[in-house]
């Protein structure tokens, strides 16, 4: 017998063996099919809920990042206002409005050094 015939014979024997395999009744029964269908449906719903919650969190994160960037801009604006309010020219303008006078001559007092007495 040639190798081709031997290979064909082995192939046909294998196919016949696979076709004659009988599955147990509990594995091919209506209860098993129902259980598998319910399991697939449950897992599909659970998967959709998980994906939906993840996408909702993504939108929340995006909104929070926008708020953070807006607050950063506000902080920068406030820092600019603080620097402007603390500038010498601005302080001098406000001095005249408050009826304050600039000091021409500064006198400093040199206090005597504090000394402790021995007993």
N, C-alpha and C. Protein backbone atom coordinates (compact mmCIF):
# COMPACT_ATOMS: atom_id res chain seq x y z
N UNK A 1 0.84 -1.17 0.00
CA UNK A 1 0.00 0.00 0.00
C UNK A 1 0.89 1.24 0.00
N UNK A 2 0.52 2.24 -0.78
CA UNK A 2 1.36 3.44 -0.88
C UNK A 2 1.11 4.36 0.32
N UNK A 3 2.01 5.31 0.46
CA UNK A 3 1.89 6.25 1.58
C UNK A 3 0.63 7.10 1.46
N UNK A 4 0.27 7.41 0.25
CA UNK A 4 -0.94 8.19 0.03
C UNK A 4 -2.17 7.43 0.49
N UNK A 5 -2.25 6.13 0.16
CA UNK A 5 -3.39 5.32 0.58
C UNK A 5 -3.40 5.13 2.09
N UNK A 6 -2.21 4.97 2.67
CA UNK A 6 -2.14 4.80 4.13
C UNK A 6 -2.61 6.08 4.83
N UNK A 7 -2.17 7.23 4.32
CA UNK A 7 -2.57 8.50 4.91
C UNK A 7 -4.09 8.71 4.78
N UNK A 8 -4.65 8.36 3.63
CA UNK A 8 -6.09 8.49 3.44
C UNK A 8 -6.85 7.57 4.38
N UNK A 9 -6.34 6.37 4.57
CA UNK A 9 -7.01 5.42 5.46
C UNK A 9 -6.98 5.92 6.90
N UNK A 10 -5.84 6.42 7.33
CA UNK A 10 -5.74 6.96 8.70
C UNK A 10 -6.67 8.17 8.87
N UNK A 11 -6.73 9.00 7.86
CA UNK A 11 -7.60 10.19 7.91
C UNK A 11 -9.06 9.77 8.03
N UNK A 12 -9.52 8.81 7.21
CA UNK A 12 -10.90 8.36 7.27
C UNK A 12 -11.21 7.67 8.59
N UNK A 13 -10.26 6.90 9.12
CA UNK A 13 -10.46 6.26 10.43
C UNK A 13 -10.60 7.32 11.52
N UNK A 14 -9.79 8.36 11.44
CA UNK A 14 -9.86 9.44 12.44
C UNK A 14 -11.21 10.15 12.36
N UNK A 15 -11.65 10.48 11.16
CA UNK A 15 -12.93 11.17 10.98
C UNK A 15 -14.08 10.30 11.49
N UNK A 16 -14.05 9.00 11.21
CA UNK A 16 -15.10 8.09 11.70
C UNK A 16 -15.09 8.02 13.22
N UNK A 17 -13.89 8.03 13.82
CA UNK A 17 -13.81 7.97 15.28
C UNK A 17 -14.39 9.25 15.90
N UNK A 18 -14.12 10.39 15.28
CA UNK A 18 -14.65 11.64 15.82
C UNK A 18 -16.17 11.69 15.67
N UNK A 19 -16.68 11.18 14.58
CA UNK A 19 -18.13 11.21 14.36
C UNK A 19 -18.87 10.28 15.31
N UNK A 20 -18.23 9.24 15.76
CA UNK A 20 -18.92 8.27 16.61
C UNK A 20 -18.83 8.63 18.09
N UNK A 21 -18.11 9.72 18.42
CA UNK A 21 -18.05 10.13 19.83
C UNK A 21 -19.41 10.66 20.22
N UNK A 22 -19.95 10.12 21.28
CA UNK A 22 -21.26 10.55 21.76
C UNK A 22 -21.07 11.36 23.03
N UNK A 23 -21.70 12.51 23.05
CA UNK A 23 -21.63 13.36 24.24
C UNK A 23 -22.67 12.88 25.24
N UNK A 24 -22.40 13.03 26.53
CA UNK A 24 -23.40 12.61 27.52
C UNK A 24 -24.66 13.48 27.42
N UNK A 25 -25.74 12.94 27.86
CA UNK A 25 -27.04 13.62 27.75
C UNK A 25 -27.06 14.91 28.58
N UNK A 26 -26.43 14.91 29.74
CA UNK A 26 -26.46 16.12 30.57
C UNK A 26 -25.71 17.27 29.91
N UNK A 27 -24.75 16.95 29.02
CA UNK A 27 -23.98 17.98 28.36
C UNK A 27 -24.70 18.53 27.13
N UNK A 28 -25.54 17.74 26.52
CA UNK A 28 -26.25 18.18 25.32
C UNK A 28 -27.72 18.47 25.58
N UNK A 29 -28.15 18.36 26.83
CA UNK A 29 -29.56 18.52 27.16
C UNK A 29 -30.01 19.98 27.18
N UNK A 30 -31.32 20.12 27.31
CA UNK A 30 -31.95 21.43 27.32
C UNK A 30 -31.50 22.25 28.54
N UNK A 31 -31.29 21.62 29.67
CA UNK A 31 -30.89 22.34 30.89
C UNK A 31 -29.50 22.97 30.70
N UNK A 32 -28.58 22.23 30.09
CA UNK A 32 -27.23 22.77 29.88
C UNK A 32 -27.27 23.93 28.89
N UNK A 33 -28.05 23.80 27.83
CA UNK A 33 -28.15 24.90 26.86
C UNK A 33 -28.76 26.14 27.51
N UNK A 34 -29.78 25.95 28.33
CA UNK A 34 -30.41 27.08 29.02
C UNK A 34 -29.42 27.75 29.98
N UNK A 35 -28.67 26.92 30.70
CA UNK A 35 -27.68 27.45 31.64
C UNK A 35 -26.61 28.25 30.90
N UNK A 36 -26.13 27.72 29.80
CA UNK A 36 -25.11 28.44 29.02
C UNK A 36 -25.67 29.73 28.45
N UNK A 37 -26.91 29.72 27.97
CA UNK A 37 -27.52 30.92 27.42
C UNK A 37 -27.68 32.00 28.50
N UNK A 38 -28.14 31.60 29.67
CA UNK A 38 -28.30 32.56 30.78
C UNK A 38 -26.94 33.10 31.20
N UNK A 39 -25.94 32.24 31.25
CA UNK A 39 -24.59 32.69 31.63
C UNK A 39 -24.04 33.70 30.62
N UNK A 40 -24.21 33.42 29.35
CA UNK A 40 -23.73 34.35 28.32
C UNK A 40 -24.46 35.68 28.42
N UNK A 41 -25.77 35.64 28.64
CA UNK A 41 -26.53 36.89 28.76
C UNK A 41 -26.08 37.68 29.99
N UNK A 42 -25.90 37.00 31.11
CA UNK A 42 -25.47 37.67 32.34
C UNK A 42 -24.09 38.31 32.16
N UNK A 43 -23.17 37.57 31.59
CA UNK A 43 -21.83 38.12 31.38
C UNK A 43 -21.83 39.28 30.38
N UNK A 44 -22.70 39.22 29.39
CA UNK A 44 -22.81 40.33 28.42
C UNK A 44 -23.32 41.59 29.10
N UNK A 45 -24.34 41.45 29.92
CA UNK A 45 -24.87 42.62 30.64
C UNK A 45 -23.83 43.17 31.60
N UNK A 46 -23.13 42.30 32.31
CA UNK A 46 -22.10 42.76 33.23
C UNK A 46 -20.99 43.49 32.49
N UNK A 47 -20.62 43.00 31.34
CA UNK A 47 -19.58 43.65 30.52
C UNK A 47 -20.03 45.04 30.06
N UNK A 48 -21.28 45.13 29.60
CA UNK A 48 -21.79 46.43 29.15
C UNK A 48 -21.84 47.43 30.30
N UNK A 49 -22.26 46.99 31.49
CA UNK A 49 -22.30 47.89 32.63
C UNK A 49 -20.90 48.37 33.01
N UNK A 50 -19.96 47.48 32.95
CA UNK A 50 -18.57 47.83 33.28
C UNK A 50 -18.02 48.86 32.28
N UNK A 51 -18.25 48.64 31.01
CA UNK A 51 -17.78 49.58 29.98
C UNK A 51 -18.48 50.93 30.13
N UNK A 52 -19.77 50.91 30.43
CA UNK A 52 -20.52 52.14 30.59
C UNK A 52 -19.99 52.95 31.77
N UNK A 53 -19.72 52.30 32.89
CA UNK A 53 -19.20 53.03 34.05
C UNK A 53 -17.81 53.56 33.78
N UNK A 54 -17.00 52.82 33.04
CA UNK A 54 -15.65 53.30 32.72
C UNK A 54 -15.71 54.52 31.82
N UNK A 55 -16.62 54.53 30.86
CA UNK A 55 -16.72 55.69 29.98
C UNK A 55 -17.27 56.89 30.74
N UNK A 56 -18.20 56.67 31.66
CA UNK A 56 -18.72 57.78 32.47
C UNK A 56 -17.61 58.38 33.33
N UNK A 57 -16.76 57.54 33.89
CA UNK A 57 -15.63 58.05 34.67
C UNK A 57 -14.68 58.85 33.79
N UNK A 58 -14.53 58.43 32.55
CA UNK A 58 -13.67 59.17 31.63
C UNK A 58 -14.19 60.57 31.40
N UNK A 59 -15.51 60.71 31.22
CA UNK A 59 -16.10 62.04 31.04
C UNK A 59 -15.93 62.88 32.31
N UNK A 60 -16.11 62.27 33.48
CA UNK A 60 -15.93 63.00 34.74
C UNK A 60 -14.49 63.49 34.88
N UNK A 61 -13.55 62.64 34.55
CA UNK A 61 -12.14 63.02 34.64
C UNK A 61 -11.84 64.17 33.70
N UNK A 62 -12.39 64.10 32.48
CA UNK A 62 -12.16 65.17 31.51
C UNK A 62 -12.72 66.50 32.03
N UNK A 63 -13.92 66.47 32.62
CA UNK A 63 -14.51 67.69 33.17
C UNK A 63 -13.68 68.24 34.33
N UNK A 64 -13.20 67.35 35.18
CA UNK A 64 -12.38 67.80 36.31
C UNK A 64 -11.05 68.38 35.83
N UNK A 65 -10.48 67.82 34.78
CA UNK A 65 -9.24 68.37 34.23
C UNK A 65 -9.48 69.77 33.66
N UNK A 66 -10.65 69.97 33.02
CA UNK A 66 -10.98 71.30 32.52
C UNK A 66 -11.11 72.29 33.68
N UNK A 67 -11.75 71.86 34.78
CA UNK A 67 -11.89 72.74 35.94
C UNK A 67 -10.52 73.09 36.53
N UNK A 68 -9.63 72.13 36.58
CA UNK A 68 -8.29 72.37 37.11
C UNK A 68 -7.56 73.39 36.25
N UNK A 69 -7.66 73.27 34.94
CA UNK A 69 -6.97 74.22 34.07
C UNK A 69 -7.58 75.62 34.20
N UNK A 70 -8.91 75.72 34.35
CA UNK A 70 -9.54 77.02 34.56
C UNK A 70 -9.09 77.63 35.88
N UNK A 71 -8.99 76.81 36.92
CA UNK A 71 -8.54 77.32 38.22
C UNK A 71 -7.08 77.74 38.17
N UNK A 72 -6.26 77.03 37.42
CA UNK A 72 -4.87 77.45 37.24
C UNK A 72 -4.80 78.82 36.58
N UNK A 73 -5.65 79.05 35.59
CA UNK A 73 -5.69 80.36 34.93
C UNK A 73 -6.14 81.44 35.91
N UNK A 74 -7.12 81.12 36.76
CA UNK A 74 -7.58 82.08 37.76
C UNK A 74 -6.47 82.40 38.76
N UNK A 75 -5.73 81.38 39.17
CA UNK A 75 -4.63 81.59 40.11
C UNK A 75 -3.57 82.49 39.48
N UNK A 76 -3.26 82.27 38.23
CA UNK A 76 -2.28 83.13 37.55
C UNK A 76 -2.78 84.57 37.47
N UNK A 77 -4.07 84.76 37.16
CA UNK A 77 -4.63 86.11 37.11
C UNK A 77 -4.54 86.78 38.48
N UNK A 78 -4.87 86.04 39.54
CA UNK A 78 -4.80 86.60 40.88
C UNK A 78 -3.36 86.94 41.27
N UNK A 79 -2.41 86.11 40.88
CA UNK A 79 -1.01 86.42 41.18
C UNK A 79 -0.56 87.69 40.47
N UNK A 80 -1.04 87.89 39.25
CA UNK A 80 -0.71 89.12 38.52
C UNK A 80 -1.33 90.32 39.23
N UNK A 81 -2.58 90.20 39.70
CA UNK A 81 -3.23 91.29 40.42
C UNK A 81 -2.51 91.59 41.73
N UNK A 82 -2.05 90.54 42.42
CA UNK A 82 -1.32 90.74 43.68
C UNK A 82 -0.01 91.47 43.41
N UNK A 83 0.69 91.06 42.37
CA UNK A 83 1.95 91.72 42.04
C UNK A 83 1.71 93.17 41.64
N UNK A 84 0.64 93.44 40.92
CA UNK A 84 0.32 94.81 40.50
C UNK A 84 -0.06 95.65 41.72
N UNK A 85 -0.85 95.07 42.63
CA UNK A 85 -1.26 95.82 43.82
C UNK A 85 -0.08 96.10 44.74
N UNK A 86 0.93 95.28 44.72
CA UNK A 86 2.09 95.47 45.60
C UNK A 86 3.19 96.30 44.97
N UNK A 87 3.01 96.77 43.75
CA UNK A 87 4.06 97.56 43.09
C UNK A 87 4.15 98.94 43.72
N UNK A 88 5.33 99.55 43.65
CA UNK A 88 5.56 100.85 44.27
C UNK A 88 4.69 101.93 43.65
N UNK A 89 4.51 101.92 42.36
CA UNK A 89 3.71 102.98 41.73
C UNK A 89 2.26 102.91 42.21
N UNK A 90 1.75 101.72 42.36
CA UNK A 90 0.37 101.56 42.82
C UNK A 90 0.26 101.98 44.28
N UNK A 91 1.23 101.65 45.09
CA UNK A 91 1.21 102.05 46.51
C UNK A 91 1.27 103.56 46.61
N UNK A 92 2.11 104.22 45.82
CA UNK A 92 2.21 105.68 45.86
C UNK A 92 0.89 106.34 45.43
N UNK A 93 0.19 105.76 44.46
CA UNK A 93 -1.11 106.31 44.06
C UNK A 93 -2.10 106.21 45.20
N UNK A 94 -2.08 105.11 45.92
CA UNK A 94 -3.04 104.94 47.02
C UNK A 94 -2.69 105.79 48.22
N UNK A 95 -1.44 106.18 48.39
CA UNK A 95 -1.06 107.03 49.52
C UNK A 95 -1.76 108.38 49.44
N UNK A 96 -1.85 108.95 48.27
CA UNK A 96 -2.51 110.26 48.15
C UNK A 96 -4.01 110.14 48.41
N UNK A 97 -4.61 109.04 48.05
CA UNK A 97 -6.04 108.84 48.29
C UNK A 97 -6.35 108.70 49.77
N UNK A 98 -5.41 108.18 50.53
CA UNK A 98 -5.64 107.95 51.97
C UNK A 98 -5.14 109.12 52.83
N UNK A 99 -4.73 110.21 52.20
CA UNK A 99 -4.22 111.38 52.91
C UNK A 99 -3.00 111.05 53.76
N UNK A 100 -2.14 110.20 53.26
CA UNK A 100 -0.90 109.87 53.95
C UNK A 100 0.22 110.65 53.27
N UNK A 101 1.26 110.93 54.04
CA UNK A 101 2.37 111.73 53.55
C UNK A 101 3.61 110.87 53.53
N UNK A 102 4.44 111.06 52.54
CA UNK A 102 5.70 110.33 52.46
C UNK A 102 6.68 110.89 53.49
N UNK A 103 7.47 110.09 54.10
CA UNK A 103 8.46 110.49 55.10
C UNK A 103 9.72 110.92 54.37
N UNK A 104 10.20 112.14 54.74
CA UNK A 104 11.40 112.65 54.09
C UNK A 104 12.66 112.21 54.82
N UNK A 105 12.64 112.35 56.13
CA UNK A 105 13.82 112.02 56.92
C UNK A 105 13.44 110.96 57.94
N UNK A 106 14.17 109.88 57.95
CA UNK A 106 13.90 108.78 58.87
C UNK A 106 14.86 108.89 60.04
N UNK A 107 14.31 108.91 61.24
CA UNK A 107 15.14 108.92 62.44
C UNK A 107 15.00 107.56 63.12
N UNK A 108 16.15 107.03 63.47
CA UNK A 108 16.14 105.73 64.13
C UNK A 108 16.67 105.89 65.54
N UNK A 109 16.08 105.16 66.44
CA UNK A 109 16.50 105.17 67.82
C UNK A 109 17.39 103.97 68.06
N UNK A 110 18.49 104.18 68.73
CA UNK A 110 19.36 103.08 69.12
C UNK A 110 19.15 102.85 70.60
N UNK A 111 18.40 101.86 70.94
CA UNK A 111 18.15 101.64 72.38
C UNK A 111 19.44 101.15 73.05
N UNK A 112 19.52 101.47 74.32
CA UNK A 112 20.68 101.01 75.10
C UNK A 112 20.61 99.51 75.19
N UNK A 113 21.78 98.85 75.19
CA UNK A 113 21.74 97.38 75.30
C UNK A 113 21.21 96.96 76.64
N UNK A 114 20.45 95.92 76.62
CA UNK A 114 19.88 95.39 77.87
C UNK A 114 20.96 94.63 78.63
N UNK A 115 21.09 94.96 79.91
CA UNK A 115 22.10 94.33 80.73
C UNK A 115 21.43 93.77 81.98
N UNK A 116 21.82 92.59 82.36
CA UNK A 116 21.27 91.99 83.56
C UNK A 116 22.23 92.26 84.71
N UNK A 117 21.70 92.44 85.87
CA UNK A 117 22.52 92.71 87.06
C UNK A 117 22.79 91.42 87.79
N UNK A 118 23.98 91.28 88.28
CA UNK A 118 24.36 90.08 89.03
C UNK A 118 23.94 90.26 90.48
N UNK A 119 23.60 89.26 91.16
CA UNK A 119 23.22 89.35 92.57
C UNK A 119 24.31 88.90 93.47
